[in-house]
Amino acid sequence: MSEGGPNSEVVAEGLATISRSARQQGKIIDDLLNTELNGIRVLAIDDDEDSRDLLSHFLKKSGAQVLIADSAVDGIHHAAGFNPGLVICDLSMPEEDGYSFIRKLRQS
C-alpha cells in the first residue's frame, strides 16, 4: 500500500489552506470577543431567538449597552428612543428583511 496517491500533495495543500483559513477566522472571532464596547449602544435585530441570545451575551460581555429586537418593525420602533451607535441586523428575516430595515433606519 502506497503512502499517498498522485493527488496527495494537492490534498495536503488544500488542508493546509483550510487550516490557515480556520486560524484566521478564529483570530477574527477572538479579536471581536476581546473588543471593548464599553458604553456603546448596540441594537441587534434577529428573528432567531438563539442568535439573539448569543449576540446579547457576547455584546454585554464586551461592555455594550444592548437592545435586542426580533423583527425589523420592532427594531425601527426601538431605534428612535435608544439612539444606537452600532446596529447588527440579520439580513434574511421573514416579513421584512434586513435591507429594508436599514433603508428605513437611514430615512428616520
N, C-alpha and C. Protein backbone atom coordinates (compact mmCIF):
# COMPACT_ATOMS: atom_id res chain seq x y z
N MET A 1 0.84 -1.16 0.00
CA MET A 1 0.00 0.00 0.00
C MET A 1 0.89 1.23 0.00
N SER A 2 0.62 2.16 -0.91
CA SER A 2 1.47 3.33 -1.02
C SER A 2 1.10 4.37 0.02
N GLU A 3 2.06 5.26 0.27
CA GLU A 3 1.87 6.33 1.26
C GLU A 3 0.88 7.38 0.79
N GLY A 4 0.81 7.64 -0.47
CA GLY A 4 -0.10 8.66 -0.98
C GLY A 4 -0.22 8.54 -2.48
N GLY A 5 -1.36 8.90 -2.99
CA GLY A 5 -1.58 8.83 -4.42
C GLY A 5 -1.08 10.07 -5.11
N PRO A 6 -1.37 10.17 -6.40
CA PRO A 6 -0.89 11.31 -7.18
C PRO A 6 -1.49 12.64 -6.72
N ASN A 7 -2.60 12.59 -6.03
CA ASN A 7 -3.25 13.83 -5.58
C ASN A 7 -2.95 14.15 -4.11
N SER A 8 -2.08 13.39 -3.47
CA SER A 8 -1.85 13.59 -2.04
C SER A 8 -1.26 14.97 -1.74
N GLU A 9 -0.40 15.48 -2.60
CA GLU A 9 0.16 16.82 -2.38
C GLU A 9 -0.93 17.88 -2.49
N VAL A 10 -1.82 17.71 -3.45
CA VAL A 10 -2.92 18.67 -3.63
C VAL A 10 -3.82 18.65 -2.41
N VAL A 11 -4.13 17.46 -1.92
CA VAL A 11 -4.99 17.34 -0.74
C VAL A 11 -4.30 17.96 0.47
N ALA A 12 -3.01 17.68 0.66
CA ALA A 12 -2.28 18.24 1.79
C ALA A 12 -2.24 19.76 1.70
N GLU A 13 -2.03 20.28 0.51
CA GLU A 13 -2.01 21.73 0.32
C GLU A 13 -3.38 22.33 0.62
N GLY A 14 -4.43 21.66 0.17
CA GLY A 14 -5.80 22.12 0.44
C GLY A 14 -6.11 22.13 1.93
N LEU A 15 -5.68 21.08 2.63
CA LEU A 15 -5.90 21.02 4.08
C LEU A 15 -5.12 22.11 4.80
N ALA A 16 -3.91 22.40 4.34
CA ALA A 16 -3.12 23.47 4.96
C ALA A 16 -3.81 24.81 4.76
N THR A 17 -4.38 25.02 3.58
CA THR A 17 -5.10 26.27 3.30
C THR A 17 -6.32 26.39 4.19
N ILE A 18 -7.06 25.29 4.34
CA ILE A 18 -8.25 25.30 5.21
C ILE A 18 -7.83 25.58 6.65
N SER A 19 -6.74 24.97 7.08
CA SER A 19 -6.26 25.18 8.44
C SER A 19 -5.88 26.64 8.66
N ARG A 20 -5.16 27.25 7.71
CA ARG A 20 -4.81 28.67 7.83
C ARG A 20 -6.06 29.53 7.88
N SER A 21 -7.03 29.20 7.02
CA SER A 21 -8.28 29.96 6.99
C SER A 21 -9.01 29.85 8.33
N ALA A 22 -9.06 28.66 8.89
CA ALA A 22 -9.73 28.47 10.18
C ALA A 22 -9.02 29.25 11.28
N ARG A 23 -7.69 29.25 11.25
CA ARG A 23 -6.94 30.03 12.25
C ARG A 23 -7.21 31.51 12.10
N GLN A 24 -7.27 31.99 10.86
CA GLN A 24 -7.56 33.40 10.62
C GLN A 24 -8.96 33.75 11.11
N GLN A 25 -9.94 32.89 10.81
CA GLN A 25 -11.30 33.14 11.28
C GLN A 25 -11.36 33.10 12.80
N GLY A 26 -10.64 32.17 13.39
CA GLY A 26 -10.60 32.10 14.85
C GLY A 26 -10.01 33.36 15.46
N LYS A 27 -8.97 33.90 14.82
CA LYS A 27 -8.36 35.14 15.31
C LYS A 27 -9.35 36.29 15.19
N ILE A 28 -10.08 36.36 14.10
CA ILE A 28 -11.08 37.41 13.93
C ILE A 28 -12.13 37.31 15.02
N ILE A 29 -12.60 36.11 15.29
CA ILE A 29 -13.61 35.92 16.34
C ILE A 29 -13.02 36.29 17.70
N ASP A 30 -11.79 35.85 17.97
CA ASP A 30 -11.14 36.22 19.24
C ASP A 30 -11.02 37.72 19.38
N ASP A 31 -10.62 38.39 18.29
CA ASP A 31 -10.49 39.85 18.32
C ASP A 31 -11.83 40.51 18.62
N LEU A 32 -12.88 40.00 17.97
CA LEU A 32 -14.21 40.57 18.22
C LEU A 32 -14.65 40.36 19.66
N LEU A 33 -14.39 39.18 20.18
CA LEU A 33 -14.81 38.88 21.55
C LEU A 33 -14.00 39.66 22.58
N ASN A 34 -12.81 40.07 22.20
CA ASN A 34 -11.97 40.83 23.12
C ASN A 34 -12.04 42.33 22.90
N THR A 35 -12.93 42.75 22.02
CA THR A 35 -13.10 44.18 21.75
C THR A 35 -13.89 44.82 22.89
N GLU A 36 -13.40 45.94 23.36
CA GLU A 36 -14.09 46.67 24.42
C GLU A 36 -15.17 47.55 23.78
N LEU A 37 -16.39 47.35 24.17
CA LEU A 37 -17.51 48.15 23.68
C LEU A 37 -18.15 48.94 24.81
N ASN A 38 -17.35 49.28 25.80
CA ASN A 38 -17.86 49.95 26.98
C ASN A 38 -18.72 51.16 26.64
N GLY A 39 -19.97 51.09 27.05
CA GLY A 39 -20.89 52.21 26.88
C GLY A 39 -21.48 52.38 25.50
N ILE A 40 -21.04 51.62 24.52
CA ILE A 40 -21.60 51.76 23.17
C ILE A 40 -22.98 51.13 23.14
N ARG A 41 -23.94 51.86 22.61
CA ARG A 41 -25.31 51.35 22.50
C ARG A 41 -25.42 50.53 21.22
N VAL A 42 -25.78 49.25 21.38
CA VAL A 42 -25.87 48.34 20.25
C VAL A 42 -27.30 47.84 20.13
N LEU A 43 -27.88 48.03 18.96
CA LEU A 43 -29.19 47.48 18.63
C LEU A 43 -28.95 46.26 17.76
N ALA A 44 -29.41 45.11 18.20
CA ALA A 44 -29.24 43.86 17.45
C ALA A 44 -30.62 43.32 17.07
N ILE A 45 -30.81 43.06 15.78
CA ILE A 45 -32.09 42.59 15.27
C ILE A 45 -31.89 41.23 14.61
N ASP A 46 -32.62 40.24 15.09
CA ASP A 46 -32.56 38.90 14.50
C ASP A 46 -33.85 38.17 14.84
N ASP A 47 -34.40 37.44 13.89
CA ASP A 47 -35.64 36.71 14.14
C ASP A 47 -35.39 35.39 14.86
N ASP A 48 -34.15 34.94 14.92
CA ASP A 48 -33.81 33.68 15.56
C ASP A 48 -33.46 33.91 17.03
N GLU A 49 -34.19 33.28 17.92
CA GLU A 49 -34.00 33.50 19.36
C GLU A 49 -32.60 33.12 19.83
N ASP A 50 -32.08 32.00 19.35
CA ASP A 50 -30.74 31.58 19.77
C ASP A 50 -29.69 32.60 19.33
N SER A 51 -29.83 33.13 18.12
CA SER A 51 -28.89 34.15 17.64
C SER A 51 -28.97 35.41 18.48
N ARG A 52 -30.20 35.81 18.81
CA ARG A 52 -30.37 37.00 19.67
C ARG A 52 -29.71 36.79 21.02
N ASP A 53 -29.92 35.62 21.61
CA ASP A 53 -29.33 35.33 22.92
C ASP A 53 -27.80 35.34 22.86
N LEU A 54 -27.24 34.74 21.81
CA LEU A 54 -25.79 34.69 21.65
C LEU A 54 -25.22 36.09 21.45
N LEU A 55 -25.83 36.86 20.57
CA LEU A 55 -25.39 38.24 20.35
C LEU A 55 -25.44 39.04 21.63
N SER A 56 -26.55 38.95 22.32
CA SER A 56 -26.73 39.70 23.56
C SER A 56 -25.65 39.33 24.57
N HIS A 57 -25.41 38.05 24.72
CA HIS A 57 -24.41 37.58 25.69
C HIS A 57 -23.03 38.18 25.41
N PHE A 58 -22.55 38.03 24.18
CA PHE A 58 -21.20 38.48 23.86
C PHE A 58 -21.08 40.00 23.82
N LEU A 59 -22.12 40.67 23.37
CA LEU A 59 -22.07 42.14 23.37
C LEU A 59 -22.05 42.69 24.79
N LYS A 60 -22.88 42.13 25.66
CA LYS A 60 -22.88 42.58 27.05
C LYS A 60 -21.56 42.25 27.73
N LYS A 61 -21.00 41.09 27.42
CA LYS A 61 -19.71 40.69 27.98
C LYS A 61 -18.62 41.68 27.56
N SER A 62 -18.78 42.29 26.40
CA SER A 62 -17.81 43.28 25.91
C SER A 62 -18.08 44.68 26.45
N GLY A 63 -19.14 44.82 27.26
CA GLY A 63 -19.42 46.10 27.89
C GLY A 63 -20.43 46.97 27.17
N ALA A 64 -21.05 46.47 26.13
CA ALA A 64 -22.03 47.26 25.38
C ALA A 64 -23.35 47.35 26.12
N GLN A 65 -24.08 48.43 25.85
CA GLN A 65 -25.47 48.54 26.27
C GLN A 65 -26.27 47.95 25.12
N VAL A 66 -27.01 46.90 25.37
CA VAL A 66 -27.63 46.12 24.29
C VAL A 66 -29.15 46.20 24.34
N LEU A 67 -29.73 46.41 23.16
CA LEU A 67 -31.17 46.32 23.00
C LEU A 67 -31.40 45.34 21.86
N ILE A 68 -32.22 44.33 22.12
CA ILE A 68 -32.47 43.26 21.17
C ILE A 68 -33.88 43.41 20.61
N ALA A 69 -34.00 43.22 19.29
CA ALA A 69 -35.31 43.23 18.63
C ALA A 69 -35.45 41.95 17.82
N ASP A 70 -36.69 41.45 17.71
CA ASP A 70 -36.90 40.20 16.99
C ASP A 70 -37.44 40.38 15.57
N SER A 71 -37.59 41.62 15.14
CA SER A 71 -38.07 41.88 13.78
C SER A 71 -37.62 43.27 13.35
N ALA A 72 -37.70 43.52 12.06
CA ALA A 72 -37.36 44.84 11.53
C ALA A 72 -38.31 45.90 12.09
N VAL A 73 -39.58 45.58 12.17
CA VAL A 73 -40.57 46.52 12.70
C VAL A 73 -40.24 46.88 14.15
N ASP A 74 -39.93 45.87 14.94
CA ASP A 74 -39.56 46.09 16.34
C ASP A 74 -38.26 46.91 16.43
N GLY A 75 -37.31 46.61 15.54
CA GLY A 75 -36.04 47.34 15.53
C GLY A 75 -36.22 48.82 15.23
N ILE A 76 -37.06 49.15 14.25
CA ILE A 76 -37.34 50.55 13.92
C ILE A 76 -38.00 51.25 15.10
N HIS A 77 -38.93 50.56 15.72
CA HIS A 77 -39.64 51.11 16.89
C HIS A 77 -38.65 51.47 18.01
N HIS A 78 -37.70 50.57 18.28
CA HIS A 78 -36.75 50.77 19.38
C HIS A 78 -35.61 51.72 19.03
N ALA A 79 -35.25 51.82 17.76
CA ALA A 79 -34.07 52.61 17.35
C ALA A 79 -34.20 54.08 17.71
N ALA A 80 -35.38 54.64 17.54
CA ALA A 80 -35.57 56.08 17.78
C ALA A 80 -35.29 56.45 19.23
N GLY A 81 -35.80 55.69 20.16
CA GLY A 81 -35.60 56.00 21.57
C GLY A 81 -34.26 55.57 22.12
N PHE A 82 -33.64 54.59 21.50
CA PHE A 82 -32.39 54.03 22.01
C PHE A 82 -31.16 54.75 21.46
N ASN A 83 -31.27 55.29 20.25
CA ASN A 83 -30.17 56.01 19.58
C ASN A 83 -28.88 55.18 19.57
N PRO A 84 -28.88 54.04 18.85
CA PRO A 84 -27.71 53.15 18.87
C PRO A 84 -26.51 53.74 18.15
N GLY A 85 -25.33 53.39 18.64
CA GLY A 85 -24.09 53.73 17.96
C GLY A 85 -23.67 52.64 17.00
N LEU A 86 -24.24 51.45 17.17
CA LEU A 86 -23.93 50.30 16.33
C LEU A 86 -25.20 49.49 16.15
N VAL A 87 -25.45 49.05 14.92
CA VAL A 87 -26.61 48.21 14.62
C VAL A 87 -26.11 46.92 13.98
N ILE A 88 -26.56 45.79 14.52
CA ILE A 88 -26.26 44.48 13.95
C ILE A 88 -27.60 43.89 13.54
N CYS A 89 -27.72 43.54 12.26
CA CYS A 89 -29.02 43.12 11.75
C CYS A 89 -28.91 41.89 10.86
N ASP A 90 -29.78 40.93 11.12
CA ASP A 90 -29.93 39.77 10.25
C ASP A 90 -30.50 40.28 8.92
N LEU A 91 -29.92 39.86 7.82
CA LEU A 91 -30.39 40.34 6.53
C LEU A 91 -31.53 39.50 5.97
N SER A 92 -31.67 38.28 6.42
CA SER A 92 -32.70 37.41 5.83
C SER A 92 -33.78 37.04 6.85
N MET A 93 -34.56 38.04 7.24
CA MET A 93 -35.66 37.81 8.17
C MET A 93 -36.96 37.70 7.38
N PRO A 94 -37.93 36.96 7.92
CA PRO A 94 -39.23 36.89 7.25
C PRO A 94 -39.98 38.21 7.40
N GLU A 95 -41.01 38.38 6.65
CA GLU A 95 -41.86 39.57 6.67
C GLU A 95 -41.13 40.78 6.11
N GLU A 96 -40.06 41.23 6.77
CA GLU A 96 -39.29 42.37 6.29
C GLU A 96 -37.81 42.06 6.51
N ASP A 97 -37.03 42.11 5.43
CA ASP A 97 -35.63 41.72 5.56
C ASP A 97 -34.76 42.86 6.11
N GLY A 98 -33.52 42.53 6.39
CA GLY A 98 -32.59 43.48 6.96
C GLY A 98 -32.28 44.66 6.06
N TYR A 99 -32.27 44.42 4.75
CA TYR A 99 -32.00 45.52 3.81
C TYR A 99 -33.09 46.59 3.93
N SER A 100 -34.33 46.15 4.00
CA SER A 100 -35.45 47.09 4.15
C SER A 100 -35.34 47.83 5.48
N PHE A 101 -34.97 47.10 6.53
CA PHE A 101 -34.78 47.72 7.84
C PHE A 101 -33.73 48.83 7.78
N ILE A 102 -32.60 48.54 7.14
CA ILE A 102 -31.51 49.52 7.08
C ILE A 102 -31.95 50.76 6.28
N ARG A 103 -32.68 50.55 5.17
CA ARG A 103 -33.19 51.70 4.40
C ARG A 103 -34.09 52.56 5.28
N LYS A 104 -34.99 51.93 6.01
CA LYS A 104 -35.91 52.69 6.88
C LYS A 104 -35.15 53.39 8.01
N LEU A 105 -34.17 52.73 8.57
CA LEU A 105 -33.39 53.33 9.65
C LEU A 105 -32.65 54.57 9.14
N ARG A 106 -32.10 54.50 7.96
CA ARG A 106 -31.39 55.65 7.39
C ARG A 106 -32.33 56.82 7.11
N GLN A 107 -33.59 56.52 6.78
CA GLN A 107 -34.57 57.55 6.47
C GLN A 107 -35.11 58.21 7.73
N SER A 108 -35.03 57.53 8.85
CA SER A 108 -35.63 58.08 10.08
C SER A 108 -34.72 59.07 10.77
